[in-house]
Amino acid sequence: MSGLTADPAVPPGAARQRPAAIRAVPLRHPWRWVAAVVVLLVLAGVIDTFVTAPQLHWSVVGQYLFNGQILQAAVVTVYLTAIAMIVGVGLGVLLAVMRLSVNRVMSSVSWFYIWFFRGTPVLVQLFFWWNIATILPTLSVGIPFTHIMWSESTNKLITPLLAAILGLGLNEAAYMAEIVRAGIISVDQGQTEAAHALGMRRPLVMRRIVLPQAMRVIVPPTGNETISMLKTTSLAYIATVHELFFTQQEISNFNYHIIELAIVASIWYLAMSSVLTVFQYYIERHFARGSVRGLPPTPIQRLRRMLFQFHEQPPFAAEVEPWLEPGRPHSGM
């Protein structure tokens, strides 16, 4: 193509001048800073009130933070959380599949279970399992129409830990059933129909097609339920399970440092919840693959980016393609 020359009407000196920089004035929000200062002052006042309270003995908090009884109780709390969630998730998946079944009996039984266990407080259910021996002194299992019978005292079978697992796990199953059901129905029905058209049976379709895709919807609330279960285990004190809350209560009843021991228990609950939150984040990130364009960065990646990434401003337009002098040809397209 033929070259283009600068407009002769433009003075020679003006062609080399850059346009004046735009003086951008950011919009000011003074009330945001006022609100932030007020919040910080209130927060500082609350912290100062607790830290400097003469009746609060922080040395007792440090003394019992890594006490052997407290550490053992924390282990029992984690164990109880894990077993109760295994029972809840396993039974919840079964109840969700039953709820979606075309069989009226299966669907009705699942609906009644969910209705009953979600409608009664978990503390009442724990109290029931802990005192079930009052109505069933012995538990018997036998083969019908034979004399083969096995029986055992209920008090021997239903230990405090087992009563807590039954109360927490069976209650959690009702909530997990609804979470799993929501995840299953979130998968497009056309995929299920296509799998059936290929000759795949319903259990195989559920295991290979539906559940892997439903996990993206199931995992986040399941993580929240696990963290909630960690704190709900404190209700197992009613069954005299030596978990974290019951243990700190026993110690505080002995030395009368009630608030100090409550702070110790709170620190351990916060620490364990934080660890579970990290696990939840990475599990959610794993199951998000294939459904989002880019995976969210991990905390380590964010820190690395913040420390080592330099944000360079884009070059000025004149640096990309300098202004031409008058009479100098411009190679256009």
C-alpha atoms as a PDB file:
ATOM      1  CA  MET A   1       0.000   0.000   0.000  1.00  0.00           C
ATOM      2  CA  SER A   2       1.090   3.606  -0.523  1.00  0.00           C
ATOM      3  CA  GLY A   3       2.433   5.433   2.514  1.00  0.00           C
ATOM      4  CA  LEU A   4       0.488   8.138   4.292  1.00  0.00           C
ATOM      5  CA  THR A   5       1.954  11.486   5.267  1.00  0.00           C
ATOM      6  CA  ALA A   6       1.108  13.695   8.214  1.00  0.00           C
ATOM      7  CA  ASP A   7      -1.525  16.376   7.829  1.00  0.00           C
ATOM      8  CA  PRO A   8       0.230  19.563   6.585  1.00  0.00           C
ATOM      9  CA  ALA A   9      -2.247  21.665   8.583  1.00  0.00           C
ATOM     10  CA  VAL A  10      -0.754  20.367  11.844  1.00  0.00           C
ATOM     11  CA  PRO A  11       2.258  22.402  13.029  1.00  0.00           C
ATOM     12  CA  PRO A  12       5.530  20.467  12.947  1.00  0.00           C
ATOM     13  CA  GLY A  13       6.092  20.727  16.695  1.00  0.00           C
ATOM     14  CA  ALA A  14       2.597  19.580  17.646  1.00  0.00           C
ATOM     15  CA  ALA A  15       2.994  16.176  16.020  1.00  0.00           C
ATOM     16  CA  ARG A  16       5.632  15.153  18.532  1.00  0.00           C
ATOM     17  CA  GLN A  17       3.700  16.202  21.642  1.00  0.00           C
ATOM     18  CA  ARG A  18       1.927  13.620  23.764  1.00  0.00           C
ATOM     19  CA  PRO A  19      -1.629  14.323  24.835  1.00  0.00           C
ATOM     20  CA  ALA A  20      -1.994  15.777  28.292  1.00  0.00           C
ATOM     21  CA  ALA A  21      -2.302  13.215  31.055  1.00  0.00           C
ATOM     22  CA  ILE A  22      -5.762  12.804  32.511  1.00  0.00           C
ATOM     23  CA  ARG A  23      -5.871  13.895  36.120  1.00  0.00           C
ATOM     24  CA  ALA A  24      -8.074  11.210  37.610  1.00  0.00           C
ATOM     25  CA  VAL A  25      -9.353  12.067  41.067  1.00  0.00           C
ATOM     26  CA  PRO A  26     -10.635   9.010  42.948  1.00  0.00           C
ATOM     27  CA  LEU A  27     -14.042   9.263  44.533  1.00  0.00           C
ATOM     28  CA  ARG A  28     -13.633   9.777  48.235  1.00  0.00           C
ATOM     29  CA  HIS A  29     -15.650   7.872  50.829  1.00  0.00           C
ATOM     30  CA  PRO A  30     -14.939   9.553  54.175  1.00  0.00           C
ATOM     31  CA  TRP A  31     -17.763   7.789  55.989  1.00  0.00           C
ATOM     32  CA  ARG A  32     -16.240   4.416  55.187  1.00  0.00           C
ATOM     33  CA  TRP A  33     -13.104   5.420  57.047  1.00  0.00           C
ATOM     34  CA  VAL A  34     -15.192   6.760  59.918  1.00  0.00           C
ATOM     35  CA  ALA A  35     -17.080   3.466  60.137  1.00  0.00           C
ATOM     36  CA  ALA A  36     -13.816   1.493  59.994  1.00  0.00           C
ATOM     37  CA  VAL A  37     -12.313   3.569  62.809  1.00  0.00           C
ATOM     38  CA  VAL A  38     -15.441   3.098  64.946  1.00  0.00           C
ATOM     39  CA  VAL A  39     -15.371  -0.673  64.400  1.00  0.00           C
ATOM     40  CA  LEU A  40     -11.667  -0.845  65.282  1.00  0.00           C
ATOM     41  CA  LEU A  41     -12.225   1.199  68.437  1.00  0.00           C
ATOM     42  CA  VAL A  42     -15.097  -1.037  69.555  1.00  0.00           C
ATOM     43  CA  LEU A  43     -13.036  -4.155  68.805  1.00  0.00           C
ATOM     44  CA  ALA A  44     -10.046  -2.765  70.692  1.00  0.00           C
ATOM     45  CA  GLY A  45     -12.287  -1.928  73.640  1.00  0.00           C
ATOM     46  CA  VAL A  46     -13.727  -5.447  73.786  1.00  0.00           C
ATOM     47  CA  ILE A  47     -10.277  -7.038  73.575  1.00  0.00           C
ATOM     48  CA  ASP A  48      -8.902  -4.696  76.230  1.00  0.00           C
ATOM     49  CA  THR A  49     -11.835  -5.480  78.531  1.00  0.00           C
ATOM     50  CA  PHE A  50     -11.129  -9.210  78.447  1.00  0.00           C
ATOM     51  CA  VAL A  51      -7.340  -8.992  78.444  1.00  0.00           C
ATOM     52  CA  THR A  52      -7.119  -6.610  81.391  1.00  0.00           C
ATOM     53  CA  ALA A  53      -9.991  -8.066  83.436  1.00  0.00           C
ATOM     54  CA  PRO A  54      -8.520  -8.699  86.910  1.00  0.00           C
ATOM     55  CA  GLN A  55     -10.840 -11.654  87.539  1.00  0.00           C
ATOM     56  CA  LEU A  56      -9.675 -13.425  84.355  1.00  0.00           C
ATOM     57  CA  HIS A  57      -6.548 -15.505  84.975  1.00  0.00           C
ATOM     58  CA  TRP A  58      -4.780 -15.980  81.645  1.00  0.00           C
ATOM     59  CA  SER A  59      -2.108 -18.055  83.348  1.00  0.00           C
ATOM     60  CA  VAL A  60      -4.773 -20.703  83.969  1.00  0.00           C
ATOM     61  CA  VAL A  61      -5.626 -20.673  80.261  1.00  0.00           C
ATOM     62  CA  GLY A  62      -1.982 -21.327  79.396  1.00  0.00           C
ATOM     63  CA  GLN A  63      -1.729 -23.975  82.090  1.00  0.00           C
ATOM     64  CA  TYR A  64      -4.637 -26.062  80.776  1.00  0.00           C
ATOM     65  CA  LEU A  65      -4.321 -25.371  77.038  1.00  0.00           C
ATOM     66  CA  PHE A  66      -2.085 -28.429  76.534  1.00  0.00           C
ATOM     67  CA  ASN A  67      -3.219 -30.348  79.578  1.00  0.00           C
ATOM     68  CA  GLY A  68      -3.308 -34.121  79.115  1.00  0.00           C
ATOM     69  CA  GLN A  69      -7.017 -34.394  79.883  1.00  0.00           C
ATOM     70  CA  ILE A  70      -7.838 -31.596  77.441  1.00  0.00           C
ATOM     71  CA  LEU A  71      -5.738 -33.169  74.676  1.00  0.00           C
ATOM     72  CA  GLN A  72      -7.357 -36.562  75.214  1.00  0.00           C
ATOM     73  CA  ALA A  73     -10.799 -34.933  75.143  1.00  0.00           C
ATOM     74  CA  ALA A  74      -9.930 -33.188  71.868  1.00  0.00           C
ATOM     75  CA  VAL A  75      -9.024 -36.572  70.360  1.00  0.00           C
ATOM     76  CA  VAL A  76     -12.365 -38.003  71.524  1.00  0.00           C
ATOM     77  CA  THR A  77     -14.140 -35.009  69.957  1.00  0.00           C
ATOM     78  CA  VAL A  78     -12.441 -35.579  66.594  1.00  0.00           C
ATOM     79  CA  TYR A  79     -13.161 -39.325  66.762  1.00  0.00           C
ATOM     80  CA  LEU A  80     -16.812 -38.749  67.615  1.00  0.00           C
ATOM     81  CA  THR A  81     -17.123 -36.217  64.780  1.00  0.00           C
ATOM     82  CA  ALA A  82     -15.594 -38.609  62.244  1.00  0.00           C
ATOM     83  CA  ILE A  83     -17.717 -41.631  63.195  1.00  0.00           C
ATOM     84  CA  ALA A  84     -20.944 -39.617  63.401  1.00  0.00           C
ATOM     85  CA  MET A  85     -20.294 -38.086  59.959  1.00  0.00           C
ATOM     86  CA  ILE A  86     -19.511 -41.503  58.445  1.00  0.00           C
ATOM     87  CA  VAL A  87     -22.832 -42.799  59.771  1.00  0.00           C
ATOM     88  CA  GLY A  88     -24.640 -39.653  58.651  1.00  0.00           C
ATOM     89  CA  VAL A  89     -23.174 -39.542  55.135  1.00  0.00           C
ATOM     90  CA  GLY A  90     -23.577 -43.273  54.490  1.00  0.00           C
ATOM     91  CA  LEU A  91     -27.164 -43.404  55.699  1.00  0.00           C
ATOM     92  CA  GLY A  92     -27.909 -40.035  54.086  1.00  0.00           C
ATOM     93  CA  VAL A  93     -26.896 -41.273  50.617  1.00  0.00           C
ATOM     94  CA  LEU A  94     -29.117 -44.332  51.070  1.00  0.00           C
ATOM     95  CA  LEU A  95     -32.056 -42.198  52.213  1.00  0.00           C
ATOM     96  CA  ALA A  96     -31.592 -39.797  49.286  1.00  0.00           C
ATOM     97  CA  VAL A  97     -31.693 -42.645  46.768  1.00  0.00           C
ATOM     98  CA  MET A  98     -34.762 -44.069  48.511  1.00  0.00           C
ATOM     99  CA  ARG A  99     -36.415 -40.643  48.462  1.00  0.00           C
ATOM    100  CA  LEU A 100     -35.973 -40.433  44.682  1.00  0.00           C
ATOM    101  CA  SER A 101     -37.109 -44.013  44.115  1.00  0.00           C
ATOM    102  CA  VAL A 102     -40.257 -44.718  42.106  1.00  0.00           C
ATOM    103  CA  ASN A 103     -41.171 -47.275  44.763  1.00  0.00           C
ATOM    104  CA  ARG A 104     -43.783 -45.643  46.980  1.00  0.00           C
ATOM    105  CA  VAL A 105     -42.782 -47.659  50.055  1.00  0.00           C
ATOM    106  CA  MET A 106     -39.108 -46.675  49.793  1.00  0.00           C
ATOM    107  CA  SER A 107     -39.929 -43.041  49.131  1.00  0.00           C
ATOM    108  CA  SER A 108     -42.436 -42.845  51.995  1.00  0.00           C
ATOM    109  CA  VAL A 109     -40.103 -44.479  54.533  1.00  0.00           C
ATOM    110  CA  SER A 110     -37.313 -42.067  53.576  1.00  0.00           C
ATOM    111  CA  TRP A 111     -39.658 -39.079  53.810  1.00  0.00           C
ATOM    112  CA  PHE A 112     -40.879 -40.138  57.264  1.00  0.00           C
ATOM    113  CA  TYR A 113     -37.322 -40.636  58.536  1.00  0.00           C
ATOM    114  CA  ILE A 114     -36.241 -37.195  57.337  1.00  0.00           C
ATOM    115  CA  TRP A 115     -39.391 -35.588  58.728  1.00  0.00           C
ATOM    116  CA  PHE A 116     -38.985 -37.199  62.152  1.00  0.00           C
ATOM    117  CA  PHE A 117     -35.268 -36.691  62.729  1.00  0.00           C
ATOM    118  CA  ARG A 118     -35.211 -33.134  61.391  1.00  0.00           C
ATOM    119  CA  GLY A 119     -38.290 -32.245  63.414  1.00  0.00           C
ATOM    120  CA  THR A 120     -36.948 -33.290  66.829  1.00  0.00           C
ATOM    121  CA  PRO A 121     -33.969 -31.664  68.605  1.00  0.00           C
ATOM    122  CA  VAL A 122     -30.716 -33.590  68.541  1.00  0.00           C
ATOM    123  CA  LEU A 123     -30.405 -33.114  72.312  1.00  0.00           C
ATOM    124  CA  VAL A 124     -33.706 -34.964  72.802  1.00  0.00           C
ATOM    125  CA  GLN A 125     -32.498 -37.771  70.536  1.00  0.00           C
ATOM    126  CA  LEU A 126     -29.259 -38.069  72.503  1.00  0.00           C
ATOM    127  CA  PHE A 127     -31.250 -38.183  75.733  1.00  0.00           C
ATOM    128  CA  PHE A 128     -33.442 -40.937  74.270  1.00  0.00           C
ATOM    129  CA  TRP A 129     -30.524 -43.181  73.252  1.00  0.00           C
ATOM    130  CA  TRP A 130     -28.779 -42.632  76.580  1.00  0.00           C
ATOM    131  CA  ASN A 131     -31.895 -43.738  78.498  1.00  0.00           C
ATOM    132  CA  ILE A 132     -33.207 -46.396  76.115  1.00  0.00           C
ATOM    133  CA  ALA A 133     -32.516 -49.087  78.723  1.00  0.00           C
ATOM    134  CA  THR A 134     -35.461 -47.801  80.741  1.00  0.00           C
ATOM    135  CA  ILE A 135     -37.892 -49.120  78.110  1.00  0.00           C
ATOM    136  CA  LEU A 136     -35.731 -51.896  76.606  1.00  0.00           C
ATOM    137  CA  PRO A 137     -33.755 -53.525  79.446  1.00  0.00           C
ATOM    138  CA  THR A 138     -32.463 -56.219  77.090  1.00  0.00           C
ATOM    139  CA  LEU A 139     -31.941 -56.382  73.347  1.00  0.00           C
ATOM    140  CA  SER A 140     -32.708 -59.717  71.706  1.00  0.00           C
ATOM    141  CA  VAL A 141     -31.974 -60.988  68.214  1.00  0.00           C
ATOM    142  CA  GLY A 142     -33.111 -64.388  66.988  1.00  0.00           C
ATOM    143  CA  ILE A 143     -33.997 -66.490  63.971  1.00  0.00           C
ATOM    144  CA  PRO A 144     -37.766 -66.669  63.425  1.00  0.00           C
ATOM    145  CA  PHE A 145     -39.508 -70.008  64.040  1.00  0.00           C
ATOM    146  CA  THR A 146     -36.466 -71.379  65.888  1.00  0.00           C
ATOM    147  CA  HIS A 147     -35.203 -71.416  69.452  1.00  0.00           C
ATOM    148  CA  ILE A 148     -31.997 -69.652  68.461  1.00  0.00           C
ATOM    149  CA  MET A 149     -31.993 -66.405  70.388  1.00  0.00           C
ATOM    150  CA  TRP A 150     -29.287 -64.004  71.492  1.00  0.00           C
ATOM    151  CA  SER A 151     -29.913 -61.349  74.118  1.00  0.00           C
ATOM    152  CA  GLU A 152     -27.775 -58.887  76.015  1.00  0.00           C
ATOM    153  CA  SER A 153     -28.289 -56.147  78.560  1.00  0.00           C
ATOM    154  CA  THR A 154     -28.951 -52.797  76.914  1.00  0.00           C
ATOM    155  CA  ASN A 155     -26.732 -51.003  79.397  1.00  0.00           C
ATOM    156  CA  LYS A 156     -23.804 -53.153  78.280  1.00  0.00           C
ATOM    157  CA  LEU A 157     -24.468 -52.622  74.581  1.00  0.00           C
ATOM    158  CA  ILE A 158     -25.387 -48.940  74.531  1.00  0.00           C
ATOM    159  CA  THR A 159     -22.274 -47.356  75.994  1.00  0.00           C
ATOM    160  CA  PRO A 160     -22.070 -43.556  76.371  1.00  0.00           C
ATOM    161  CA  LEU A 161     -19.954 -43.289  73.213  1.00  0.00           C
ATOM    162  CA  LEU A 162     -22.319 -45.503  71.201  1.00  0.00           C
ATOM    163  CA  ALA A 163     -25.336 -43.533  72.426  1.00  0.00           C
ATOM    164  CA  ALA A 164     -23.656 -40.318  71.253  1.00  0.00           C
ATOM    165  CA  ILE A 165     -22.780 -41.842  67.864  1.00  0.00           C
ATOM    166  CA  LEU A 166     -26.356 -43.041  67.352  1.00  0.00           C
ATOM    167  CA  GLY A 167     -27.874 -39.744  68.412  1.00  0.00           C
ATOM    168  CA  LEU A 168     -25.562 -37.573  66.315  1.00  0.00           C
ATOM    169  CA  GLY A 169     -25.209 -39.894  63.321  1.00  0.00           C
ATOM    170  CA  LEU A 170     -28.889 -40.707  62.836  1.00  0.00           C
ATOM    171  CA  ASN A 171     -29.822 -37.046  63.167  1.00  0.00           C
ATOM    172  CA  GLU A 172     -27.133 -36.008  60.683  1.00  0.00           C
ATOM    173  CA  ALA A 173     -28.371 -38.594  58.173  1.00  0.00           C
ATOM    174  CA  ALA A 174     -31.635 -36.691  57.779  1.00  0.00           C
ATOM    175  CA  TYR A 175     -29.811 -33.499  56.796  1.00  0.00           C
ATOM    176  CA  MET A 176     -27.313 -35.301  54.577  1.00  0.00           C
ATOM    177  CA  ALA A 177     -30.185 -37.009  52.753  1.00  0.00           C
ATOM    178  CA  GLU A 178     -31.539 -33.639  51.655  1.00  0.00           C
ATOM    179  CA  ILE A 179     -28.065 -32.413  50.686  1.00  0.00           C
ATOM    180  CA  VAL A 180     -27.396 -35.499  48.564  1.00  0.00           C
ATOM    181  CA  ARG A 181     -30.856 -35.344  47.024  1.00  0.00           C
ATOM    182  CA  ALA A 182     -30.262 -31.716  46.026  1.00  0.00           C
ATOM    183  CA  GLY A 183     -26.962 -32.712  44.426  1.00  0.00           C
ATOM    184  CA  ILE A 184     -28.536 -35.588  42.493  1.00  0.00           C
ATOM    185  CA  ILE A 185     -31.397 -33.546  41.053  1.00  0.00           C
ATOM    186  CA  SER A 186     -28.928 -30.811  40.049  1.00  0.00           C
ATOM    187  CA  VAL A 187     -27.502 -33.136  37.364  1.00  0.00           C
ATOM    188  CA  ASP A 188     -29.234 -32.705  34.028  1.00  0.00           C
ATOM    189  CA  GLN A 189     -31.820 -35.434  33.517  1.00  0.00           C
ATOM    190  CA  GLY A 190     -30.787 -35.823  29.885  1.00  0.00           C
ATOM    191  CA  GLN A 191     -27.531 -37.446  30.969  1.00  0.00           C
ATOM    192  CA  THR A 192     -29.418 -40.082  32.933  1.00  0.00           C
ATOM    193  CA  GLU A 193     -31.705 -40.751  29.979  1.00  0.00           C
ATOM    194  CA  ALA A 194     -28.712 -41.053  27.651  1.00  0.00           C
ATOM    195  CA  ALA A 195     -27.036 -43.516  30.010  1.00  0.00           C
ATOM    196  CA  HIS A 196     -30.200 -45.627  30.178  1.00  0.00           C
ATOM    197  CA  ALA A 197     -30.400 -45.537  26.377  1.00  0.00           C
ATOM    198  CA  LEU A 198     -26.891 -47.029  26.261  1.00  0.00           C
ATOM    199  CA  GLY A 199     -28.079 -49.937  28.398  1.00  0.00           C
ATOM    200  CA  MET A 200     -26.598 -48.854  31.730  1.00  0.00           C
ATOM    201  CA  ARG A 201     -28.525 -49.934  34.794  1.00  0.00           C
ATOM    202  CA  ARG A 202     -29.696 -47.475  37.437  1.00  0.00           C
ATOM    203  CA  PRO A 203     -27.048 -48.329  40.101  1.00  0.00           C
ATOM    204  CA  LEU A 204     -24.274 -47.980  37.512  1.00  0.00           C
ATOM    205  CA  VAL A 205     -25.720 -44.704  36.234  1.00  0.00           C
ATOM    206  CA  MET A 206     -25.875 -43.370  39.773  1.00  0.00           C
ATOM    207  CA  ARG A 207     -22.319 -44.454  40.570  1.00  0.00           C
ATOM    208  CA  ARG A 208     -20.577 -43.501  37.312  1.00  0.00           C
ATOM    209  CA  ILE A 209     -22.627 -40.620  35.891  1.00  0.00           C
ATOM    210  CA  VAL A 210     -24.735 -38.836  38.501  1.00  0.00           C
ATOM    211  CA  LEU A 211     -22.796 -38.862  41.786  1.00  0.00           C
ATOM    212  CA  PRO A 212     -19.429 -37.698  40.333  1.00  0.00           C
ATOM    213  CA  GLN A 213     -21.148 -34.600  38.913  1.00  0.00           C
ATOM    214  CA  ALA A 214     -23.331 -34.108  41.974  1.00  0.00           C
ATOM    215  CA  MET A 215     -20.274 -33.953  44.231  1.00  0.00           C
ATOM    216  CA  ARG A 216     -19.663 -30.344  43.207  1.00  0.00           C
ATOM    217  CA  VAL A 217     -23.011 -29.453  44.810  1.00  0.00           C
ATOM    218  CA  ILE A 218     -22.770 -31.934  47.697  1.00  0.00           C
ATOM    219  CA  VAL A 219     -19.265 -31.180  48.999  1.00  0.00           C
ATOM    220  CA  PRO A 220     -19.660 -27.539  50.219  1.00  0.00           C
ATOM    221  CA  PRO A 221     -22.673 -28.145  52.504  1.00  0.00           C
ATOM    222  CA  THR A 222     -21.163 -31.445  53.637  1.00  0.00           C
ATOM    223  CA  GLY A 223     -18.063 -29.578  54.771  1.00  0.00           C
ATOM    224  CA  ASN A 224     -20.245 -27.125  56.651  1.00  0.00           C
ATOM    225  CA  GLU A 225     -22.117 -30.013  58.274  1.00  0.00           C
ATOM    226  CA  THR A 226     -18.813 -31.574  59.358  1.00  0.00           C
ATOM    227  CA  ILE A 227     -17.686 -28.355  61.026  1.00  0.00           C
ATOM    228  CA  SER A 228     -21.111 -28.030  62.628  1.00  0.00           C
ATOM    229  CA  MET A 229     -20.894 -31.640  63.833  1.00  0.00           C
ATOM    230  CA  LEU A 230     -17.544 -30.894  65.478  1.00  0.00           C
ATOM    231  CA  LYS A 231     -19.261 -28.302  67.654  1.00  0.00           C
ATOM    232  CA  THR A 232     -22.464 -30.324  68.107  1.00  0.00           C
ATOM    233  CA  THR A 233     -20.445 -33.085  69.777  1.00  0.00           C
ATOM    234  CA  SER A 234     -20.468 -30.834  72.835  1.00  0.00           C
ATOM    235  CA  LEU A 235     -24.056 -32.014  73.376  1.00  0.00           C
ATOM    236  CA  ALA A 236     -22.703 -35.509  74.037  1.00  0.00           C
ATOM    237  CA  TYR A 237     -22.031 -34.341  77.587  1.00  0.00           C
ATOM    238  CA  ILE A 238     -25.586 -35.458  78.349  1.00  0.00           C
ATOM    239  CA  ALA A 239     -24.411 -39.047  77.760  1.00  0.00           C
ATOM    240  CA  THR A 240     -21.305 -38.435  79.932  1.00  0.00           C
ATOM    241  CA  VAL A 241     -18.945 -38.790  76.976  1.00  0.00           C
ATOM    242  CA  HIS A 242     -15.566 -37.348  77.913  1.00  0.00           C
ATOM    243  CA  GLU A 243     -15.325 -35.007  74.964  1.00  0.00           C
ATOM    244  CA  LEU A 244     -13.918 -31.486  75.071  1.00  0.00           C
ATOM    245  CA  PHE A 245     -16.856 -29.651  76.638  1.00  0.00           C
ATOM    246  CA  PHE A 246     -17.574 -32.314  79.262  1.00  0.00           C
ATOM    247  CA  THR A 247     -13.903 -32.515  80.253  1.00  0.00           C
ATOM    248  CA  GLN A 248     -13.431 -28.767  80.644  1.00  0.00           C
ATOM    249  CA  GLN A 249     -16.629 -28.658  82.670  1.00  0.00           C
ATOM    250  CA  GLU A 250     -15.335 -31.366  85.000  1.00  0.00           C
ATOM    251  CA  ILE A 251     -12.053 -29.498  85.498  1.00  0.00           C
ATOM    252  CA  SER A 252     -13.782 -26.153  86.064  1.00  0.00           C
ATOM    253  CA  ASN A 253     -16.121 -27.714  88.622  1.00  0.00           C
ATOM    254  CA  PHE A 254     -13.006 -28.769  90.519  1.00  0.00           C
ATOM    255  CA  ASN A 255     -10.931 -25.559  90.369  1.00  0.00           C
ATOM    256  CA  TYR A 256     -13.785 -23.025  89.814  1.00  0.00           C
ATOM    257  CA  HIS A 257     -12.038 -21.381  86.827  1.00  0.00           C
ATOM    258  CA  ILE A 258     -15.140 -21.608  84.667  1.00  0.00           C
ATOM    259  CA  ILE A 259     -14.429 -18.882  82.104  1.00  0.00           C
ATOM    260  CA  GLU A 260     -10.747 -19.803  81.774  1.00  0.00           C
ATOM    261  CA  LEU A 261     -11.570 -23.424  80.920  1.00  0.00           C
ATOM    262  CA  ALA A 262     -14.302 -22.290  78.535  1.00  0.00           C
ATOM    263  CA  ILE A 263     -11.676 -20.189  76.723  1.00  0.00           C
ATOM    264  CA  VAL A 264      -9.408 -23.242  76.515  1.00  0.00           C
ATOM    265  CA  ALA A 265     -12.204 -25.292  74.952  1.00  0.00           C
ATOM    266  CA  SER A 266     -13.039 -22.456  72.553  1.00  0.00           C
ATOM    267  CA  ILE A 267      -9.423 -22.232  71.387  1.00  0.00           C
ATOM    268  CA  TRP A 268      -9.375 -25.940  70.595  1.00  0.00           C
ATOM    269  CA  TYR A 269     -12.731 -25.801  68.813  1.00  0.00           C
ATOM    270  CA  LEU A 270     -11.459 -22.877  66.717  1.00  0.00           C
ATOM    271  CA  ALA A 271      -8.220 -24.701  65.895  1.00  0.00           C
ATOM    272  CA  MET A 272      -9.982 -27.895  64.813  1.00  0.00           C
ATOM    273  CA  SER A 273     -12.591 -25.967  62.819  1.00  0.00           C
ATOM    274  CA  SER A 274      -9.822 -24.078  61.022  1.00  0.00           C
ATOM    275  CA  VAL A 275      -8.122 -27.328  59.997  1.00  0.00           C
ATOM    276  CA  LEU A 276     -11.421 -28.708  58.691  1.00  0.00           C
ATOM    277  CA  THR A 277     -11.997 -25.474  56.769  1.00  0.00           C
ATOM    278  CA  VAL A 278      -8.661 -25.907  54.969  1.00  0.00           C
ATOM    279  CA  PHE A 279      -9.530 -29.503  54.048  1.00  0.00           C
ATOM    280  CA  GLN A 280     -12.942 -28.365  52.826  1.00  0.00           C
ATOM    281  CA  TYR A 281     -11.356 -25.704  50.597  1.00  0.00           C
ATOM    282  CA  TYR A 282      -9.055 -28.189  48.847  1.00  0.00           C
ATOM    283  CA  ILE A 283     -11.798 -30.799  48.429  1.00  0.00           C
ATOM    284  CA  GLU A 284     -14.113 -28.199  46.881  1.00  0.00           C
ATOM    285  CA  ARG A 285     -11.282 -27.101  44.609  1.00  0.00           C
ATOM    286  CA  HIS A 286     -10.717 -30.705  43.510  1.00  0.00           C
ATOM    287  CA  PHE A 287     -14.336 -31.316  42.559  1.00  0.00           C
ATOM    288  CA  ALA A 288     -14.592 -27.932  40.825  1.00  0.00           C
ATOM    289  CA  ARG A 289     -12.304 -29.174  38.052  1.00  0.00           C
ATOM    290  CA  GLY A 290     -14.097 -29.355  34.741  1.00  0.00           C
ATOM    291  CA  SER A 291     -16.923 -27.048  35.818  1.00  0.00           C
ATOM    292  CA  VAL A 292     -15.035 -23.734  35.970  1.00  0.00           C
ATOM    293  CA  ARG A 293     -12.631 -22.150  33.509  1.00  0.00           C
ATOM    294  CA  GLY A 294      -9.941 -21.576  36.089  1.00  0.00           C
ATOM    295  CA  LEU A 295      -9.519 -23.107  39.530  1.00  0.00           C
ATOM    296  CA  PRO A 296      -9.379 -20.638  42.419  1.00  0.00           C
ATOM    297  CA  PRO A 297      -5.824 -20.117  43.690  1.00  0.00           C
ATOM    298  CA  THR A 298      -4.717 -21.844  46.844  1.00  0.00           C
ATOM    299  CA  PRO A 299      -3.605 -19.748  49.835  1.00  0.00           C
ATOM    300  CA  ILE A 300       0.031 -20.565  49.025  1.00  0.00           C
ATOM    301  CA  GLN A 301      -0.456 -19.475  45.419  1.00  0.00           C
ATOM    302  CA  ARG A 302      -2.065 -16.228  46.565  1.00  0.00           C
ATOM    303  CA  LEU A 303       0.830 -15.516  48.906  1.00  0.00           C
ATOM    304  CA  ARG A 304       3.363 -16.306  46.200  1.00  0.00           C
ATOM    305  CA  ARG A 305       1.571 -14.055  43.743  1.00  0.00           C
ATOM    306  CA  MET A 306       1.418 -11.240  46.275  1.00  0.00           C
ATOM    307  CA  LEU A 307       5.135 -11.505  47.048  1.00  0.00           C
ATOM    308  CA  PHE A 308       6.665 -12.098  43.624  1.00  0.00           C
ATOM    309  CA  GLN A 309       4.292 -10.750  41.006  1.00  0.00           C
ATOM    310  CA  PHE A 310       5.004  -7.221  39.823  1.00  0.00           C
ATOM    311  CA  HIS A 311       2.169  -5.341  38.190  1.00  0.00           C
ATOM    312  CA  GLU A 312       3.543  -3.280  35.315  1.00  0.00           C
ATOM    313  CA  GLN A 313       1.515  -0.454  33.851  1.00  0.00           C
ATOM    314  CA  PRO A 314       0.711  -0.746  30.123  1.00  0.00           C
ATOM    315  CA  PRO A 315       3.027   1.259  27.867  1.00  0.00           C
ATOM    316  CA  PHE A 316       1.958   4.624  26.586  1.00  0.00           C
ATOM    317  CA  ALA A 317       0.466   4.645  23.118  1.00  0.00           C
ATOM    318  CA  ALA A 318       3.345   6.722  21.770  1.00  0.00           C
ATOM    319  CA  GLU A 319       5.794   4.073  22.979  1.00  0.00           C
ATOM    320  CA  VAL A 320       3.943   1.382  21.055  1.00  0.00           C
ATOM    321  CA  GLU A 321       3.902   3.379  17.831  1.00  0.00           C
ATOM    322  CA  PRO A 322       5.703   6.756  17.930  1.00  0.00           C
ATOM    323  CA  TRP A 323       4.150   9.823  16.447  1.00  0.00           C
ATOM    324  CA  LEU A 324       5.393  10.483  12.962  1.00  0.00           C
ATOM    325  CA  GLU A 325       7.283  13.509  11.838  1.00  0.00           C
ATOM    326  CA  PRO A 326       5.808  15.551   8.986  1.00  0.00           C
ATOM    327  CA  GLY A 327       6.721  14.130   5.630  1.00  0.00           C
ATOM    328  CA  ARG A 328       7.743  10.774   7.089  1.00  0.00           C
ATOM    329  CA  PRO A 329       5.816   7.898   5.494  1.00  0.00           C
ATOM    330  CA  HIS A 330       3.661   5.628   7.658  1.00  0.00           C
ATOM    331  CA  SER A 331       3.432   1.999   6.694  1.00  0.00           C
ATOM    332  CA  GLY A 332      -0.280   1.277   6.893  1.00  0.00           C
ATOM    333  CA  MET A 333      -2.240  -1.780   5.966  1.00  0.00           C
END
